[in-house]
């Protein structure tokens, strides 16, 4: 279970990215689920907390318009406040979300000579909003309503690119079957290490007899603490089960 400090840390980072909603059906919990397969911050163990924290920090770096990756100079807080989020103009959260979608599009682009993230963003701004934007201050003349429209279009671009990426990964026939069976549904695809870990844990539970912790530690090269955690739910049941060859009271 995550500590109070860890929970506050996750929500604080999520708020900084503008992905925290009023309930669990927000982008923060979608991110947590995609990394850990869990839908609650409270359920995270220490390693899962570190993985989610690392991803959030990385996204904050990429989403920060002042980050070195955007090739801009640092500006003081007063000047930044004058440039963004004032008088109905695009908020910092909206800007970060736009940058995040643009970086996702860059990740999905198979053309190594495609435009960089900054050029891609100002290109979309021009196409969707008809606004000529500069690379250093792309959101300077964009208000909140326009930025919401931009976000929705970027989201559609990302969804389309992700579908195309899946098509390229699994081929046309498999993609058609996937669409026929799961079209219109949201499905979670676990990371490879998550699938491997789940299969390993199931083997450990099958091998567990209620007492053979040392044997399992050596067989799977894990700590006894980890073995005990994996077998916690079935330990009492296994320990109460009759040993092979043992006669129960009902059989006397």
Protein backbone atom coordinates (compact mmCIF):
# COMPACT_ATOMS: atom_id res chain seq x y z
CA UNK A 1 0.00 0.00 0.00
CA UNK A 2 1.24 3.48 -0.85
CA UNK A 3 2.03 5.83 2.02
CA UNK A 4 0.28 9.18 2.47
CA UNK A 5 3.41 10.96 1.29
CA UNK A 6 3.60 8.82 -1.85
CA UNK A 7 -0.09 9.41 -2.63
CA UNK A 8 0.36 13.18 -2.22
CA UNK A 9 3.43 13.03 -4.45
CA UNK A 10 1.58 11.22 -7.28
CA UNK A 11 -1.40 13.58 -7.16
CA UNK A 12 0.90 16.59 -6.99
CA UNK A 13 2.80 15.53 -10.11
CA UNK A 14 -0.46 14.68 -11.87
CA UNK A 15 -1.89 18.09 -11.02
CA UNK A 16 1.23 19.69 -12.44
CA UNK A 17 0.54 17.94 -15.74
CA UNK A 18 -3.15 18.86 -15.66
CA UNK A 19 -4.30 15.21 -15.77
CA UNK A 20 -6.11 14.97 -12.42
CA UNK A 21 -9.90 14.89 -12.66
CA UNK A 22 -12.76 14.77 -10.18
CA UNK A 23 -12.89 10.96 -10.10
CA UNK A 24 -10.85 7.91 -11.05
CA UNK A 25 -11.91 8.19 -14.68
CA UNK A 26 -9.16 10.71 -15.43
CA UNK A 27 -5.89 10.66 -17.32
CA UNK A 28 -3.83 10.17 -14.16
CA UNK A 29 -5.56 6.91 -13.30
CA UNK A 30 -5.38 5.80 -16.94
CA UNK A 31 -1.61 6.29 -16.77
CA UNK A 32 -1.34 4.40 -13.46
CA UNK A 33 -3.39 1.53 -14.89
CA UNK A 34 -1.26 1.37 -18.03
CA UNK A 35 1.92 1.02 -15.94
CA UNK A 36 0.78 -1.16 -13.04
CA UNK A 37 -2.60 -2.65 -13.97
CA UNK A 38 -4.06 -1.04 -10.83
CA UNK A 39 -6.79 1.57 -10.73
CA UNK A 40 -6.00 3.15 -7.37
CA UNK A 41 -3.00 5.11 -6.13
CA UNK A 42 -3.47 3.56 -2.69
CA UNK A 43 -2.88 0.07 -4.09
CA UNK A 44 0.62 0.83 -5.39
CA UNK A 45 3.58 -0.88 -3.76
CA UNK A 46 6.94 0.84 -3.48
CA UNK A 47 8.32 -0.30 -6.84
CA UNK A 48 5.09 0.62 -8.63
CA UNK A 49 5.09 4.04 -6.98
CA UNK A 50 8.64 4.65 -8.22
CA UNK A 51 7.70 3.57 -11.77
CA UNK A 52 4.67 5.89 -11.87
CA UNK A 53 6.62 8.76 -10.31
CA UNK A 54 9.43 8.37 -12.85
CA UNK A 55 6.97 8.44 -15.76
CA UNK A 56 5.20 11.53 -14.40
CA UNK A 57 8.49 13.37 -13.86
CA UNK A 58 9.62 12.46 -17.37
CA UNK A 59 6.36 13.73 -18.85
CA UNK A 60 6.68 16.98 -16.90
CA UNK A 61 10.13 17.52 -18.37
CA UNK A 62 8.85 16.86 -21.88
CA UNK A 63 5.72 18.94 -21.40
CA UNK A 64 7.55 21.97 -20.00
CA UNK A 65 7.74 24.64 -22.70
CA UNK A 66 10.92 25.94 -21.04
CA UNK A 67 12.68 22.56 -21.12
CA UNK A 68 15.96 22.37 -23.05
CA UNK A 69 14.35 20.02 -25.55
CA UNK A 70 12.31 22.96 -26.82
CA UNK A 71 15.52 24.95 -27.35
CA UNK A 72 14.26 28.01 -25.46
CA UNK A 73 15.89 30.08 -22.75
CA UNK A 74 14.66 30.02 -19.18
CA UNK A 75 12.36 32.88 -18.26
CA UNK A 76 11.53 34.29 -14.86
CA UNK A 77 8.15 33.52 -13.28
CA UNK A 78 6.80 37.03 -13.69
CA UNK A 79 7.39 37.11 -17.43
CA UNK A 80 6.04 33.59 -17.85
CA UNK A 81 2.86 34.54 -15.98
CA UNK A 82 2.37 37.43 -18.38
CA UNK A 83 2.73 35.15 -21.39
CA UNK A 84 0.55 32.19 -20.44
CA UNK A 85 -2.72 31.54 -18.69
CA UNK A 86 -3.76 35.23 -18.37
CA UNK A 87 -6.85 37.05 -19.58
CA UNK A 88 -8.50 33.93 -20.97
CA UNK A 89 -5.42 32.76 -22.88
CA UNK A 90 -4.29 29.10 -22.97
CA UNK A 91 -3.55 27.80 -19.48
CA UNK A 92 -0.27 26.05 -18.53
CA UNK A 93 -2.20 22.78 -18.15
CA UNK A 94 -3.59 23.07 -21.68
CA UNK A 95 -0.15 23.84 -23.05
CA UNK A 96 1.40 20.84 -21.30
CA UNK A 97 -1.29 18.57 -22.68
CA UNK A 98 -0.63 19.81 -26.21
CA UNK A 99 3.08 19.20 -25.82
CA UNK A 100 2.40 15.72 -24.44
CA UNK A 101 0.27 14.76 -27.43
CA UNK A 102 2.91 16.11 -29.80
CA UNK A 103 5.62 14.04 -28.14
CA UNK A 104 3.38 10.99 -28.39
CA UNK A 105 2.93 11.64 -32.11
CA UNK A 106 6.70 11.89 -32.47
CA UNK A 107 7.09 8.52 -30.73
CA UNK A 108 4.63 6.91 -33.14
CA UNK A 109 6.14 8.46 -36.27
CA UNK A 110 8.22 5.88 -38.15
CA UNK A 111 9.80 8.50 -40.43
CA UNK A 112 13.17 9.51 -38.89
CA UNK A 113 13.27 12.68 -41.03
CA UNK A 114 9.88 13.96 -39.88
CA UNK A 115 9.49 17.39 -38.28
CA UNK A 116 10.65 17.89 -34.70
CA UNK A 117 8.12 18.37 -31.92
CA UNK A 118 8.17 22.17 -32.03
CA UNK A 119 7.66 22.35 -35.79
CA UNK A 120 4.93 19.73 -35.54
CA UNK A 121 3.07 21.76 -32.92
CA UNK A 122 3.13 25.07 -34.79
CA UNK A 123 2.11 23.20 -37.95
CA UNK A 124 -0.98 21.77 -36.24
CA UNK A 125 -1.79 25.19 -34.76
CA UNK A 126 -1.73 26.70 -38.23
CA UNK A 127 -3.82 23.92 -39.75
CA UNK A 128 -6.45 23.66 -37.01
CA UNK A 129 -6.71 27.25 -35.81
CA UNK A 130 -5.38 29.25 -38.75
CA UNK A 131 -2.94 30.97 -36.40
CA UNK A 132 0.66 31.70 -37.35
CA UNK A 133 2.65 30.65 -34.28
CA UNK A 134 6.31 31.04 -33.42
CA UNK A 135 8.38 28.13 -32.21
CA UNK A 136 9.55 29.97 -29.10
CA UNK A 137 6.08 31.08 -27.98
CA UNK A 138 3.57 28.89 -29.86
CA UNK A 139 0.68 29.63 -27.48
CA UNK A 140 1.12 33.41 -27.23
CA UNK A 141 -1.98 34.27 -29.30
CA UNK A 142 -4.15 31.24 -28.47
CA UNK A 143 -7.04 31.55 -26.03
CA UNK A 144 -8.48 28.76 -23.88
CA UNK A 145 -11.32 27.92 -26.25
CA UNK A 146 -8.96 27.64 -29.20
CA UNK A 147 -6.56 25.52 -27.15
CA UNK A 148 -9.39 23.14 -26.21
CA UNK A 149 -10.11 22.71 -29.91
CA UNK A 150 -6.41 22.10 -30.54
CA UNK A 151 -6.25 19.48 -27.79
CA UNK A 152 -9.22 17.58 -29.22
CA UNK A 153 -7.65 17.51 -32.67
CA UNK A 154 -4.27 16.39 -31.32
CA UNK A 155 -6.05 13.65 -29.38
CA UNK A 156 -7.66 12.44 -32.63
CA UNK A 157 -4.28 12.47 -34.35
CA UNK A 158 -2.78 10.37 -31.54
CA UNK A 159 -5.66 7.88 -31.57
CA UNK A 160 -5.33 7.48 -35.32
CA UNK A 161 -1.54 7.03 -35.10
CA UNK A 162 -1.89 4.44 -32.33
CA UNK A 163 -4.41 2.44 -34.38
CA UNK A 164 -2.06 2.55 -37.35
CA UNK A 165 0.82 1.42 -35.14
CA UNK A 166 -1.19 -1.58 -33.88
CA UNK A 167 -2.10 -2.43 -37.49
CA UNK A 168 1.58 -2.39 -38.46
CA UNK A 169 2.54 -4.52 -35.44
CA UNK A 170 0.03 -7.35 -35.83
CA UNK A 171 -0.89 -7.27 -39.54
CA UNK A 172 -4.14 -6.77 -41.42
CA UNK A 173 -5.84 -10.10 -40.63
CA UNK A 174 -5.16 -9.96 -36.90
CA UNK A 175 -6.19 -6.30 -36.81
CA UNK A 176 -9.51 -7.09 -38.50
CA UNK A 177 -10.19 -9.83 -35.93
CA UNK A 178 -9.28 -7.45 -33.12
CA UNK A 179 -11.67 -4.81 -34.43
CA UNK A 180 -14.49 -7.32 -34.92
CA UNK A 181 -14.19 -8.64 -31.38
CA UNK A 182 -13.18 -5.56 -29.39
CA UNK A 183 -14.21 -2.62 -31.61
CA UNK A 184 -15.56 0.25 -29.52
CA UNK A 185 -14.17 -1.16 -26.25
CA UNK A 186 -11.25 -0.01 -24.13
CA UNK A 187 -8.83 -2.85 -23.48
CA UNK A 188 -5.70 -2.94 -21.32
CA UNK A 189 -2.56 -4.50 -22.80
CA UNK A 190 -0.15 -5.35 -20.02
CA UNK A 191 3.58 -4.77 -20.39
CA UNK A 192 5.68 -7.85 -21.11
CA UNK A 193 7.30 -7.87 -17.67
CA UNK A 194 3.86 -7.69 -16.07
CA UNK A 195 2.67 -10.76 -18.00
CA UNK A 196 5.86 -12.68 -17.18
CA UNK A 197 5.61 -11.72 -13.50
CA UNK A 198 1.97 -12.80 -13.34
CA UNK A 199 2.80 -16.22 -14.87
CA UNK A 200 5.72 -16.63 -12.46
CA UNK A 201 3.57 -15.79 -9.45
CA UNK A 202 0.98 -18.35 -10.52
CA UNK A 203 3.68 -21.04 -10.72
CA UNK A 204 4.90 -20.09 -7.25
CA UNK A 205 1.38 -20.45 -5.85
CA UNK A 206 1.05 -23.89 -7.43
CA UNK A 207 4.39 -25.00 -5.97
CA UNK A 208 3.60 -23.61 -2.53
CA UNK A 209 2.53 -26.18 0.09
CA UNK A 210 2.16 -23.80 3.00
CA UNK A 211 5.66 -24.19 4.42
CA UNK A 212 8.29 -24.53 1.66
CA UNK A 213 9.46 -20.90 1.58
CA UNK A 214 13.18 -21.73 1.40
CA UNK A 215 12.62 -24.11 -1.49
CA UNK A 216 10.76 -21.45 -3.46
CA UNK A 217 13.36 -18.80 -2.61
CA UNK A 218 16.08 -20.96 -4.18
CA UNK A 219 13.98 -22.14 -7.13
CA UNK A 220 12.82 -18.70 -8.25
CA UNK A 221 15.77 -16.64 -6.97
CA UNK A 222 13.54 -14.31 -4.95
CA UNK A 223 13.62 -13.08 -1.38
CA UNK A 224 11.54 -14.84 1.26
CA UNK A 225 9.64 -11.61 1.78
CA UNK A 226 8.58 -11.62 -1.89
CA UNK A 227 7.56 -15.29 -1.72
CA UNK A 228 5.47 -14.60 1.39
CA UNK A 229 3.81 -11.63 -0.33
CA UNK A 230 2.93 -13.69 -3.41
CA UNK A 231 1.51 -16.57 -1.37
CA UNK A 232 -0.22 -14.45 1.29
CA UNK A 233 -3.76 -15.02 0.02
CA UNK A 234 -3.48 -18.81 -0.11
CA UNK A 235 -1.11 -19.41 2.81
CA UNK A 236 -3.78 -20.11 5.43
CA UNK A 237 -5.68 -22.39 3.07
CA UNK A 238 -2.54 -24.36 2.22
CA UNK A 239 -1.45 -24.67 5.85
CA UNK A 240 -4.88 -25.89 6.91
CA UNK A 241 -5.07 -28.47 4.11
CA UNK A 242 -4.23 -32.08 5.11
CA UNK A 243 -0.74 -33.24 4.24
CA UNK A 244 -0.61 -35.94 1.58
CA UNK A 245 -1.21 -39.29 3.27
CA UNK A 246 -2.53 -37.68 6.44
CA UNK A 247 -5.83 -39.06 7.80
CA UNK A 248 -8.44 -36.42 8.70
CA UNK A 249 -10.91 -36.66 11.60
CA UNK A 250 -13.71 -37.29 9.11
CA UNK A 251 -11.93 -40.39 7.89
CA UNK A 252 -11.43 -41.94 11.34
